[in-house]
Amino acid sequence: MSKSIIEVMVSQAMTERDPRELALGFLRYEALRKLGPHKYAELCRKNIREGQRFDDMIDELITK
């Protein structure tokens, strides 16, 4: 039985990425996933109009 594409991608990420980098990506994803659409739109506007780094804004959400 062959692996699904997502299984292949996960295996590849686990061998090519540092565990810390994977954990940080997971934390950022979880924070984004739980945001409402208006808050997400606000972050996108700040990124585009004000040049704020998106990752930095998400990291700030995580640490609140």
Protein backbone atom coordinates (compact mmCIF):
# COMPACT_ATOMS: atom_id res chain seq x y z
CA MET A 1 0.00 0.00 0.00
CA SER A 2 1.44 3.36 -0.99
CA LYS A 3 1.70 6.36 1.29
CA SER A 4 -0.60 9.32 0.79
CA ILE A 5 0.95 12.57 -0.40
CA ILE A 6 0.52 14.13 3.04
CA GLU A 7 2.31 11.19 4.70
CA VAL A 8 5.22 11.62 2.29
CA MET A 9 5.33 15.35 3.00
CA VAL A 10 5.30 14.78 6.77
CA SER A 11 8.11 12.22 6.53
CA GLN A 12 10.13 14.59 4.38
CA ALA A 13 9.62 17.49 6.78
CA MET A 14 10.65 15.35 9.74
CA THR A 15 13.92 14.36 8.10
CA GLU A 16 14.77 17.75 6.58
CA ARG A 17 13.67 20.17 9.31
CA ASP A 18 14.87 20.92 12.80
CA PRO A 19 12.35 19.82 15.48
CA ARG A 20 12.30 23.35 16.90
CA GLU A 21 11.35 24.76 13.50
CA LEU A 22 8.55 22.18 13.17
CA ALA A 23 7.24 22.99 16.65
CA LEU A 24 7.24 26.72 15.94
CA GLY A 25 5.37 26.14 12.69
CA PHE A 26 2.81 24.03 14.55
CA LEU A 27 2.30 26.71 17.21
CA ARG A 28 1.85 29.39 14.55
CA TYR A 29 -0.59 27.22 12.62
CA GLU A 30 -2.67 26.54 15.74
CA ALA A 31 -2.81 30.26 16.55
CA LEU A 32 -3.92 31.09 13.00
CA ARG A 33 -6.45 28.28 12.90
CA LYS A 34 -8.19 29.63 15.99
CA LEU A 35 -8.39 33.23 14.75
CA GLY A 36 -11.66 34.66 13.58
CA PRO A 37 -11.85 36.00 10.02
CA HIS A 38 -11.84 39.65 11.12
CA LYS A 39 -8.70 39.28 13.23
CA TYR A 40 -7.00 37.39 10.40
CA ALA A 41 -7.95 40.16 7.96
CA GLU A 42 -6.59 42.74 10.40
CA LEU A 43 -3.23 40.94 10.55
CA CYS A 44 -3.12 40.72 6.75
CA ARG A 45 -3.84 44.46 6.44
CA LYS A 46 -1.08 45.30 8.92
CA ASN A 47 1.31 43.09 6.96
CA ILE A 48 0.43 44.62 3.60
CA ARG A 49 -0.16 48.27 4.51
CA GLU A 50 2.26 48.75 7.39
CA GLY A 51 4.88 46.19 6.47
CA GLN A 52 4.67 44.38 9.79
CA ARG A 53 6.13 40.86 9.65
CA PHE A 54 3.32 38.32 9.69
CA ASP A 55 5.30 35.75 11.68
CA ASP A 56 6.13 38.34 14.33
CA MET A 57 2.46 39.24 14.76
CA ILE A 58 1.54 35.57 15.09
CA ASP A 59 4.36 35.00 17.59
CA GLU A 60 2.96 37.87 19.64
CA LEU A 61 -0.45 36.17 19.66
CA ILE A 62 1.12 32.92 20.83
CA THR A 63 2.89 34.54 23.77
CA LYS A 64 -0.12 36.45 25.10
